[in-house]
PDB file of N, CA and C in Angstrom:
ATOM      1  N   UNK A   1     -72.866-131.937-139.375  1.00  0.00           N
ATOM      2  CA  UNK A   1     -72.665-130.542-139.065  1.00  0.00           C
ATOM      3  C   UNK A   1     -73.802-129.716-139.678  1.00  0.00           C
ATOM      4  N   UNK A   2     -74.296-128.775-138.917  1.00  0.00           N
ATOM      5  CA  UNK A   2     -75.335-127.893-139.434  1.00  0.00           C
ATOM      6  C   UNK A   2     -74.704-126.719-140.174  1.00  0.00           C
ATOM      7  N   UNK A   3     -75.239-126.454-141.343  1.00  0.00           N
ATOM      8  CA  UNK A   3     -74.795-125.314-142.134  1.00  0.00           C
ATOM      9  C   UNK A   3     -76.025-124.489-142.476  1.00  0.00           C
ATOM     10  N   UNK A   4     -75.946-123.201-142.205  1.00  0.00           N
ATOM     11  CA  UNK A   4     -77.041-122.300-142.525  1.00  0.00           C
ATOM     12  C   UNK A   4     -76.693-121.578-143.825  1.00  0.00           C
ATOM     13  N   UNK A   5     -77.442-121.844-144.909  1.00  0.00           N
ATOM     14  CA  UNK A   5     -77.125-121.229-146.200  1.00  0.00           C
ATOM     15  C   UNK A   5     -77.016-119.709-146.138  1.00  0.00           C
ATOM     16  N   UNK A   6     -77.841-119.073-145.317  1.00  0.00           N
ATOM     17  CA  UNK A   6     -77.818-117.612-145.235  1.00  0.00           C
ATOM     18  C   UNK A   6     -76.468-117.098-144.731  1.00  0.00           C
ATOM     19  N   UNK A   7     -75.858-117.830-143.803  1.00  0.00           N
ATOM     20  CA  UNK A   7     -74.536-117.441-143.295  1.00  0.00           C
ATOM     21  C   UNK A   7     -73.502-117.506-144.410  1.00  0.00           C
ATOM     22  N   UNK A   8     -73.517-118.587-145.171  1.00  0.00           N
ATOM     23  CA  UNK A   8     -72.560-118.766-146.268  1.00  0.00           C
ATOM     24  C   UNK A   8     -72.801-117.707-147.341  1.00  0.00           C
ATOM     25  N   UNK A   9     -74.056-117.460-147.672  1.00  0.00           N
ATOM     26  CA  UNK A   9     -74.389-116.437-148.675  1.00  0.00           C
ATOM     27  C   UNK A   9     -73.892-115.066-148.248  1.00  0.00           C
ATOM     28  N   UNK A  10     -74.064-114.732-146.972  1.00  0.00           N
ATOM     29  CA  UNK A  10     -73.619-113.434-146.466  1.00  0.00           C
ATOM     30  C   UNK A  10     -72.100-113.280-146.616  1.00  0.00           C
ATOM     31  N   UNK A  11     -71.350-114.304-146.266  1.00  0.00           N
ATOM     32  CA  UNK A  11     -69.891-114.251-146.375  1.00  0.00           C
ATOM     33  C   UNK A  11     -69.468-114.123-147.839  1.00  0.00           C
ATOM     34  N   UNK A  12     -70.130-114.855-148.719  1.00  0.00           N
ATOM     35  CA  UNK A  12     -69.811-114.769-150.144  1.00  0.00           C
ATOM     36  C   UNK A  12     -70.080-113.355-150.657  1.00  0.00           C
ATOM     37  N   UNK A  13     -71.246-112.801-150.331  1.00  0.00           N
ATOM     38  CA  UNK A  13     -71.592-111.458-150.805  1.00  0.00           C
ATOM     39  C   UNK A  13     -70.620-110.400-150.299  1.00  0.00           C
ATOM     40  N   UNK A  14     -70.093-110.584-149.096  1.00  0.00           N
ATOM     41  CA  UNK A  14     -69.174-109.603-148.516  1.00  0.00           C
ATOM     42  C   UNK A  14     -67.765-109.704-149.089  1.00  0.00           C
ATOM     43  N   UNK A  15     -67.382-110.869-149.611  1.00  0.00           N
ATOM     44  CA  UNK A  15     -65.979-111.081-149.967  1.00  0.00           C
ATOM     45  C   UNK A  15     -65.709-111.461-151.419  1.00  0.00           C
ATOM     46  N   UNK A  16     -66.743-111.799-152.165  1.00  0.00           N
ATOM     47  CA  UNK A  16     -66.569-112.251-153.547  1.00  0.00           C
ATOM     48  C   UNK A  16     -67.382-111.320-154.452  1.00  0.00           C
ATOM     49  N   UNK A  17     -66.845-110.931-155.626  1.00  0.00           N
ATOM     50  CA  UNK A  17     -67.572-109.991-156.495  1.00  0.00           C
ATOM     51  C   UNK A  17     -68.709-110.662-157.278  1.00  0.00           C
ATOM     52  N   UNK A  18     -69.829-110.900-156.588  1.00  0.00           N
ATOM     53  CA  UNK A  18     -71.016-111.451-157.240  1.00  0.00           C
ATOM     54  C   UNK A  18     -72.177-110.484-157.038  1.00  0.00           C
ATOM     55  N   UNK A  19     -73.134-110.511-157.973  1.00  0.00           N
ATOM     56  CA  UNK A  19     -74.329-109.671-157.838  1.00  0.00           C
ATOM     57  C   UNK A  19     -75.309-110.310-156.864  1.00  0.00           C
ATOM     58  N   UNK A  20     -75.508-111.620-157.029  1.00  0.00           N
ATOM     59  CA  UNK A  20     -76.428-112.375-156.188  1.00  0.00           C
ATOM     60  C   UNK A  20     -75.875-113.779-156.015  1.00  0.00           C
ATOM     61  N   UNK A  21     -76.225-114.417-154.907  1.00  0.00           N
ATOM     62  CA  UNK A  21     -75.799-115.799-154.675  1.00  0.00           C
ATOM     63  C   UNK A  21     -76.874-116.537-153.891  1.00  0.00           C
ATOM     64  N   UNK A  22     -77.002-117.821-154.183  1.00  0.00           N
ATOM     65  CA  UNK A  22     -77.886-118.703-153.427  1.00  0.00           C
ATOM     66  C   UNK A  22     -77.121-119.981-153.149  1.00  0.00           C
ATOM     67  N   UNK A  23     -77.155-120.422-151.909  1.00  0.00           N
ATOM     68  CA  UNK A  23     -76.465-121.656-151.515  1.00  0.00           C
ATOM     69  C   UNK A  23     -77.517-122.693-151.150  1.00  0.00           C
ATOM     70  N   UNK A  24     -77.341-123.912-151.674  1.00  0.00           N
ATOM     71  CA  UNK A  24     -78.269-125.010-151.385  1.00  0.00           C
ATOM     72  C   UNK A  24     -77.474-126.295-151.180  1.00  0.00           C
ATOM     73  N   UNK A  25     -78.071-127.224-150.465  1.00  0.00           N
ATOM     74  CA  UNK A  25     -77.435-128.521-150.227  1.00  0.00           C
ATOM     75  C   UNK A  25     -77.947-129.532-151.240  1.00  0.00           C
ATOM     76  N   UNK A  26     -77.082-130.465-151.599  1.00  0.00           N
ATOM     77  CA  UNK A  26     -77.457-131.551-152.485  1.00  0.00           C
ATOM     78  C   UNK A  26     -76.848-132.843-151.957  1.00  0.00           C
ATOM     79  N   UNK A  27     -77.506-133.975-152.167  1.00  0.00           N
ATOM     80  CA  UNK A  27     -76.961-135.243-151.668  1.00  0.00           C
ATOM     81  C   UNK A  27     -75.617-135.583-152.313  1.00  0.00           C
ATOM     82  N   UNK A  28     -74.753-136.224-151.525  1.00  0.00           N
ATOM     83  CA  UNK A  28     -73.438-136.666-151.993  1.00  0.00           C
ATOM     84  C   UNK A  28     -73.248-138.100-151.522  1.00  0.00           C
ATOM     85  N   UNK A  29     -72.726-138.945-152.406  1.00  0.00           N
ATOM     86  CA  UNK A  29     -72.637-140.376-152.102  1.00  0.00           C
ATOM     87  C   UNK A  29     -71.704-140.705-150.945  1.00  0.00           C
ATOM     88  N   UNK A  30     -70.709-139.891-150.668  1.00  0.00           N
ATOM     89  CA  UNK A  30     -69.786-140.163-149.565  1.00  0.00           C
ATOM     90  C   UNK A  30     -69.991-139.248-148.364  1.00  0.00           C
ATOM     91  N   UNK A  31     -70.270-137.992-148.628  1.00  0.00           N
ATOM     92  CA  UNK A  31     -70.305-136.985-147.570  1.00  0.00           C
ATOM     93  C   UNK A  31     -71.697-136.732-146.993  1.00  0.00           C
ATOM     94  N   UNK A  32     -72.706-137.323-147.561  1.00  0.00           N
ATOM     95  CA  UNK A  32     -74.075-137.070-147.107  1.00  0.00           C
ATOM     96  C   UNK A  32     -74.709-135.938-147.890  1.00  0.00           C
ATOM     97  N   UNK A  33     -74.242-134.736-147.634  1.00  0.00           N
ATOM     98  CA  UNK A  33     -74.676-133.562-148.399  1.00  0.00           C
ATOM     99  C   UNK A  33     -73.494-132.621-148.606  1.00  0.00           C
ATOM    100  N   UNK A  34     -73.522-131.910-149.723  1.00  0.00           N
ATOM    101  CA  UNK A  34     -72.528-130.869-149.992  1.00  0.00           C
ATOM    102  C   UNK A  34     -73.265-129.618-150.453  1.00  0.00           C
ATOM    103  N   UNK A  35     -72.572-128.503-150.398  1.00  0.00           N
ATOM    104  CA  UNK A  35     -73.177-127.232-150.788  1.00  0.00           C
ATOM    105  C   UNK A  35     -72.886-126.896-152.246  1.00  0.00           C
ATOM    106  N   UNK A  36     -73.884-126.295-152.864  1.00  0.00           N
ATOM    107  CA  UNK A  36     -73.751-125.768-154.224  1.00  0.00           C
ATOM    108  C   UNK A  36     -74.084-124.286-154.159  1.00  0.00           C
ATOM    109  N   UNK A  37     -73.284-123.473-154.815  1.00  0.00           N
ATOM    110  CA  UNK A  37     -73.553-122.037-154.888  1.00  0.00           C
ATOM    111  C   UNK A  37     -74.003-121.695-156.304  1.00  0.00           C
ATOM    112  N   UNK A  38     -75.161-121.103-156.420  1.00  0.00           N
ATOM    113  CA  UNK A  38     -75.663-120.563-157.681  1.00  0.00           C
ATOM    114  C   UNK A  38     -75.377-119.067-157.612  1.00  0.00           C
ATOM    115  N   UNK A  39     -74.669-118.542-158.588  1.00  0.00           N
ATOM    116  CA  UNK A  39     -74.300-117.136-158.498  1.00  0.00           C
ATOM    117  C   UNK A  39     -74.487-116.414-159.820  1.00  0.00           C
ATOM    118  N   UNK A  40     -74.703-115.119-159.681  1.00  0.00           N
ATOM    119  CA  UNK A  40     -74.822-114.218-160.825  1.00  0.00           C
ATOM    120  C   UNK A  40     -73.699-113.203-160.694  1.00  0.00           C
ATOM    121  N   UNK A  41     -72.881-113.089-161.755  1.00  0.00           N
ATOM    122  CA  UNK A  41     -71.735-112.191-161.708  1.00  0.00           C
ATOM    123  C   UNK A  41     -71.446-111.636-163.094  1.00  0.00           C
ATOM    124  N   UNK A  42     -70.966-110.400-163.126  1.00  0.00           N
ATOM    125  CA  UNK A  42     -70.590-109.778-164.397  1.00  0.00           C
ATOM    126  C   UNK A  42     -69.186-110.171-164.827  1.00  0.00           C
ATOM    127  N   UNK A  43     -68.380-110.596-163.871  1.00  0.00           N
ATOM    128  CA  UNK A  43     -66.992-110.953-164.174  1.00  0.00           C
ATOM    129  C   UNK A  43     -66.777-112.447-163.953  1.00  0.00           C
ATOM    130  N   UNK A  44     -65.869-113.055-164.712  1.00  0.00           N
ATOM    131  CA  UNK A  44     -65.570-114.473-164.490  1.00  0.00           C
ATOM    132  C   UNK A  44     -64.878-114.661-163.136  1.00  0.00           C
ATOM    133  N   UNK A  45     -65.213-115.743-162.456  1.00  0.00           N
ATOM    134  CA  UNK A  45     -64.620-116.021-161.154  1.00  0.00           C
ATOM    135  C   UNK A  45     -63.705-117.242-161.250  1.00  0.00           C
ATOM    136  N   UNK A  46     -62.466-117.112-160.813  1.00  0.00           N
ATOM    137  CA  UNK A  46     -61.602-118.300-160.722  1.00  0.00           C
ATOM    138  C   UNK A  46     -62.005-119.083-159.460  1.00  0.00           C
ATOM    139  N   UNK A  47     -62.788-120.123-159.641  1.00  0.00           N
ATOM    140  CA  UNK A  47     -63.426-120.813-158.519  1.00  0.00           C
ATOM    141  C   UNK A  47     -62.422-121.368-157.519  1.00  0.00           C
ATOM    142  N   UNK A  48     -61.290-121.874-157.958  1.00  0.00           N
ATOM    143  CA  UNK A  48     -60.299-122.393-157.003  1.00  0.00           C
ATOM    144  C   UNK A  48     -59.804-121.277-156.091  1.00  0.00           C
ATOM    145  N   UNK A  49     -59.612-120.082-156.641  1.00  0.00           N
ATOM    146  CA  UNK A  49     -59.199-118.936-155.818  1.00  0.00           C
ATOM    147  C   UNK A  49     -60.324-118.493-154.885  1.00  0.00           C
ATOM    148  N   UNK A  50     -61.546-118.538-155.380  1.00  0.00           N
ATOM    149  CA  UNK A  50     -62.707-118.157-154.561  1.00  0.00           C
ATOM    150  C   UNK A  50     -62.815-119.082-153.354  1.00  0.00           C
ATOM    151  N   UNK A  51     -62.701-120.378-153.583  1.00  0.00           N
ATOM    152  CA  UNK A  51     -62.778-121.343-152.479  1.00  0.00           C
ATOM    153  C   UNK A  51     -61.667-121.103-151.462  1.00  0.00           C
ATOM    154  N   UNK A  52     -60.477-120.838-151.960  1.00  0.00           N
ATOM    155  CA  UNK A  52     -59.342-120.568-151.077  1.00  0.00           C
ATOM    156  C   UNK A  52     -59.596-119.325-150.232  1.00  0.00           C
ATOM    157  N   UNK A  53     -60.114-118.276-150.850  1.00  0.00           N
ATOM    158  CA  UNK A  53     -60.418-117.041-150.119  1.00  0.00           C
ATOM    159  C   UNK A  53     -61.502-117.267-149.065  1.00  0.00           C
ATOM    160  N   UNK A  54     -62.518-118.039-149.411  1.00  0.00           N
ATOM    161  CA  UNK A  54     -63.615-118.266-148.470  1.00  0.00           C
ATOM    162  C   UNK A  54     -63.183-119.068-147.248  1.00  0.00           C
ATOM    163  N   UNK A  55     -62.163-119.885-147.395  1.00  0.00           N
ATOM    164  CA  UNK A  55     -61.681-120.676-146.255  1.00  0.00           C
ATOM    165  C   UNK A  55     -61.069-119.799-145.167  1.00  0.00           C
ATOM    166  N   UNK A  56     -60.790-118.542-145.490  1.00  0.00           N
ATOM    167  CA  UNK A  56     -60.312-117.599-144.471  1.00  0.00           C
ATOM    168  C   UNK A  56     -61.453-117.220-143.521  1.00  0.00           C
ATOM    169  N   UNK A  57     -62.698-117.313-144.013  1.00  0.00           N
ATOM    170  CA  UNK A  57     -63.859-116.846-143.255  1.00  0.00           C
ATOM    171  C   UNK A  57     -64.805-117.962-142.810  1.00  0.00           C
ATOM    172  N   UNK A  58     -64.738-119.111-143.488  1.00  0.00           N
ATOM    173  CA  UNK A  58     -65.656-120.209-143.221  1.00  0.00           C
ATOM    174  C   UNK A  58     -64.895-121.511-142.989  1.00  0.00           C
ATOM    175  N   UNK A  59     -65.485-122.406-142.204  1.00  0.00           N
ATOM    176  CA  UNK A  59     -64.919-123.733-142.068  1.00  0.00           C
ATOM    177  C   UNK A  59     -64.973-124.424-143.428  1.00  0.00           C
ATOM    178  N   UNK A  60     -64.101-125.386-143.638  1.00  0.00           N
ATOM    179  CA  UNK A  60     -63.981-126.055-144.937  1.00  0.00           C
ATOM    180  C   UNK A  60     -65.314-126.645-145.413  1.00  0.00           C
ATOM    181  N   UNK A  61     -66.062-127.261-144.505  1.00  0.00           N
ATOM    182  CA  UNK A  61     -67.314-127.905-144.901  1.00  0.00           C
ATOM    183  C   UNK A  61     -68.407-126.895-145.256  1.00  0.00           C
ATOM    184  N   UNK A  62     -68.212-125.619-144.940  1.00  0.00           N
ATOM    185  CA  UNK A  62     -69.191-124.584-145.274  1.00  0.00           C
ATOM    186  C   UNK A  62     -68.913-123.923-146.621  1.00  0.00           C
ATOM    187  N   UNK A  63     -67.765-124.201-147.208  1.00  0.00           N
ATOM    188  CA  UNK A  63     -67.428-123.631-148.514  1.00  0.00           C
ATOM    189  C   UNK A  63     -68.095-124.493-149.588  1.00  0.00           C
ATOM    190  N   UNK A  64     -68.915-123.892-150.452  1.00  0.00           N
ATOM    191  CA  UNK A  64     -69.593-124.685-151.486  1.00  0.00           C
ATOM    192  C   UNK A  64     -68.602-125.469-152.344  1.00  0.00           C
ATOM    193  N   UNK A  65     -68.953-126.738-152.588  1.00  0.00           N
ATOM    194  CA  UNK A  65     -68.105-127.616-153.377  1.00  0.00           C
ATOM    195  C   UNK A  65     -68.254-127.319-154.870  1.00  0.00           C
ATOM    196  N   UNK A  66     -69.473-126.999-155.271  1.00  0.00           N
ATOM    197  CA  UNK A  66     -69.745-126.776-156.686  1.00  0.00           C
ATOM    198  C   UNK A  66     -70.310-125.377-156.862  1.00  0.00           C
ATOM    199  N   UNK A  67     -69.915-124.720-157.957  1.00  0.00           N
ATOM    200  CA  UNK A  67     -70.367-123.359-158.254  1.00  0.00           C
ATOM    201  C   UNK A  67     -71.010-123.350-159.633  1.00  0.00           C
ATOM    202  N   UNK A  68     -72.219-122.822-159.710  1.00  0.00           N
ATOM    203  CA  UNK A  68     -72.947-122.765-160.977  1.00  0.00           C
ATOM    204  C   UNK A  68     -73.272-121.303-161.277  1.00  0.00           C
ATOM    205  N   UNK A  69     -72.710-120.817-162.384  1.00  0.00           N
ATOM    206  CA  UNK A  69     -73.001-119.442-162.801  1.00  0.00           C
ATOM    207  C   UNK A  69     -74.324-119.458-163.550  1.00  0.00           C
ATOM    208  N   UNK A  70     -75.246-118.612-163.113  1.00  0.00           N
ATOM    209  CA  UNK A  70     -76.565-118.546-163.744  1.00  0.00           C
ATOM    210  C   UNK A  70     -76.717-117.205-164.453  1.00  0.00           C
ATOM    211  N   UNK A  71     -77.435-117.187-165.561  1.00  0.00           N
ATOM    212  CA  UNK A  71     -77.611-115.925-166.281  1.00  0.00           C
ATOM    213  C   UNK A  71     -78.474-114.930-165.516  1.00  0.00           C
ATOM    214  N   UNK A  72     -79.443-115.469-164.756  1.00  0.00           N
ATOM    215  CA  UNK A  72     -80.346-114.589-164.008  1.00  0.00           C
ATOM    216  C   UNK A  72     -80.981-115.377-162.875  1.00  0.00           C
ATOM    217  N   UNK A  73     -81.014-114.771-161.701  1.00  0.00           N
ATOM    218  CA  UNK A  73     -81.680-115.381-160.554  1.00  0.00           C
ATOM    219  C   UNK A  73     -83.191-115.328-160.750  1.00  0.00           C
ATOM    220  N   UNK A  74     -83.872-116.289-160.183  1.00  0.00           N
ATOM    221  CA  UNK A  74     -85.341-116.307-160.166  1.00  0.00           C
ATOM    222  C   UNK A  74     -85.790-115.713-158.833  1.00  0.00           C
ATOM    223  N   UNK A  75     -86.806-114.878-158.877  1.00  0.00           N
ATOM    224  CA  UNK A  75     -87.265-114.165-157.681  1.00  0.00           C
ATOM    225  C   UNK A  75     -88.719-114.471-157.390  1.00  0.00           C
ATOM    226  N   UNK A  76     -89.062-114.428-156.109  1.00  0.00           N
ATOM    227  CA  UNK A  76     -90.463-114.570-155.704  1.00  0.00           C
ATOM    228  C   UNK A  76     -91.135-113.198-155.802  1.00  0.00           C
ATOM    229  N   UNK A  77     -92.436-113.182-155.627  1.00  0.00           N
ATOM    230  CA  UNK A  77     -93.156-111.911-155.685  1.00  0.00           C
ATOM    231  C   UNK A  77     -92.810-111.004-154.505  1.00  0.00           C
ATOM    232  N   UNK A  78     -92.266-111.590-153.431  1.00  0.00           N
ATOM    233  CA  UNK A  78     -91.883-110.777-152.267  1.00  0.00           C
ATOM    234  C   UNK A  78     -90.434-110.297-152.339  1.00  0.00           C
ATOM    235  N   UNK A  79     -89.752-110.570-153.464  1.00  0.00           N
ATOM    236  CA  UNK A  79     -88.408-110.051-153.657  1.00  0.00           C
ATOM    237  C   UNK A  79     -87.283-110.918-153.112  1.00  0.00           C
ATOM    238  N   UNK A  80     -87.586-112.176-152.785  1.00  0.00           N
ATOM    239  CA  UNK A  80     -86.557-113.096-152.319  1.00  0.00           C
ATOM    240  C   UNK A  80     -86.187-114.043-153.445  1.00  0.00           C
ATOM    241  N   UNK A  81     -85.003-114.651-153.351  1.00  0.00           N
ATOM    242  CA  UNK A  81     -84.598-115.629-154.354  1.00  0.00           C
ATOM    243  C   UNK A  81     -85.528-116.836-154.256  1.00  0.00           C
ATOM    244  N   UNK A  82     -86.035-117.279-155.383  1.00  0.00           N
ATOM    245  CA  UNK A  82     -86.937-118.437-155.441  1.00  0.00           C
ATOM    246  C   UNK A  82     -86.087-119.704-155.422  1.00  0.00           C
ATOM    247  N   UNK A  83     -85.797-120.202-154.240  1.00  0.00           N
ATOM    248  CA  UNK A  83     -84.883-121.332-154.063  1.00  0.00           C
ATOM    249  C   UNK A  83     -85.342-122.586-154.808  1.00  0.00           C
ATOM    250  N   UNK A  84     -86.595-122.918-154.685  1.00  0.00           N
ATOM    251  CA  UNK A  84     -87.098-124.128-155.343  1.00  0.00           C
ATOM    252  C   UNK A  84     -87.010-123.986-156.865  1.00  0.00           C
ATOM    253  N   UNK A  85     -87.408-122.843-157.369  1.00  0.00           N
ATOM    254  CA  UNK A  85     -87.358-122.602-158.819  1.00  0.00           C
ATOM    255  C   UNK A  85     -85.921-122.646-159.325  1.00  0.00           C
ATOM    256  N   UNK A  86     -84.993-122.104-158.551  1.00  0.00           N
ATOM    257  CA  UNK A  86     -83.581-122.104-158.961  1.00  0.00           C
ATOM    258  C   UNK A  86     -83.050-123.522-159.106  1.00  0.00           C
ATOM    259  N   UNK A  87     -83.340-124.381-158.124  1.00  0.00           N
ATOM    260  CA  UNK A  87     -82.837-125.753-158.205  1.00  0.00           C
ATOM    261  C   UNK A  87     -83.545-126.539-159.293  1.00  0.00           C
ATOM    262  N   UNK A  88     -84.815-126.231-159.569  1.00  0.00           N
ATOM    263  CA  UNK A  88     -85.515-126.911-160.652  1.00  0.00           C
ATOM    264  C   UNK A  88     -84.972-126.489-162.016  1.00  0.00           C
ATOM    265  N   UNK A  89     -84.702-125.213-162.198  1.00  0.00           N
ATOM    266  CA  UNK A  89     -84.229-124.706-163.482  1.00  0.00           C
ATOM    267  C   UNK A  89     -82.772-125.096-163.744  1.00  0.00           C
ATOM    268  N   UNK A  90     -81.908-124.852-162.767  1.00  0.00           N
ATOM    269  CA  UNK A  90     -80.476-125.047-162.985  1.00  0.00           C
ATOM    270  C   UNK A  90     -79.970-126.376-162.443  1.00  0.00           C
ATOM    271  N   UNK A  91     -80.834-127.111-161.748  1.00  0.00           N
ATOM    272  CA  UNK A  91     -80.480-128.442-161.269  1.00  0.00           C
ATOM    273  C   UNK A  91     -79.415-128.450-160.212  1.00  0.00           C
ATOM    274  N   UNK A  92     -79.096-129.653-159.774  1.00  0.00           N
ATOM    275  CA  UNK A  92     -78.018-129.845-158.806  1.00  0.00           C
ATOM    276  C   UNK A  92     -76.833-130.334-159.578  1.00  0.00           C
TER     277      UNK A  92
END
């Protein structure tokens, strides 16, 4: 199944109280690939509730399996999230 990270990020930003979010795929031994959400938030998020809420808007396979709270997003000089730098710094 094709998953577009930008679609998932948009739904998260519209429905979950986060400042910024980045979604990336990582290899999984059984499923092929799964999604990871890197997020910046001022408030703690109950991830099980977040996943449940997102299933109202996204298919199950589009809901990130793992959530990593980051202290600060990395940005490119053009003002976009530095995806490669984020995965290198915070890992999969």
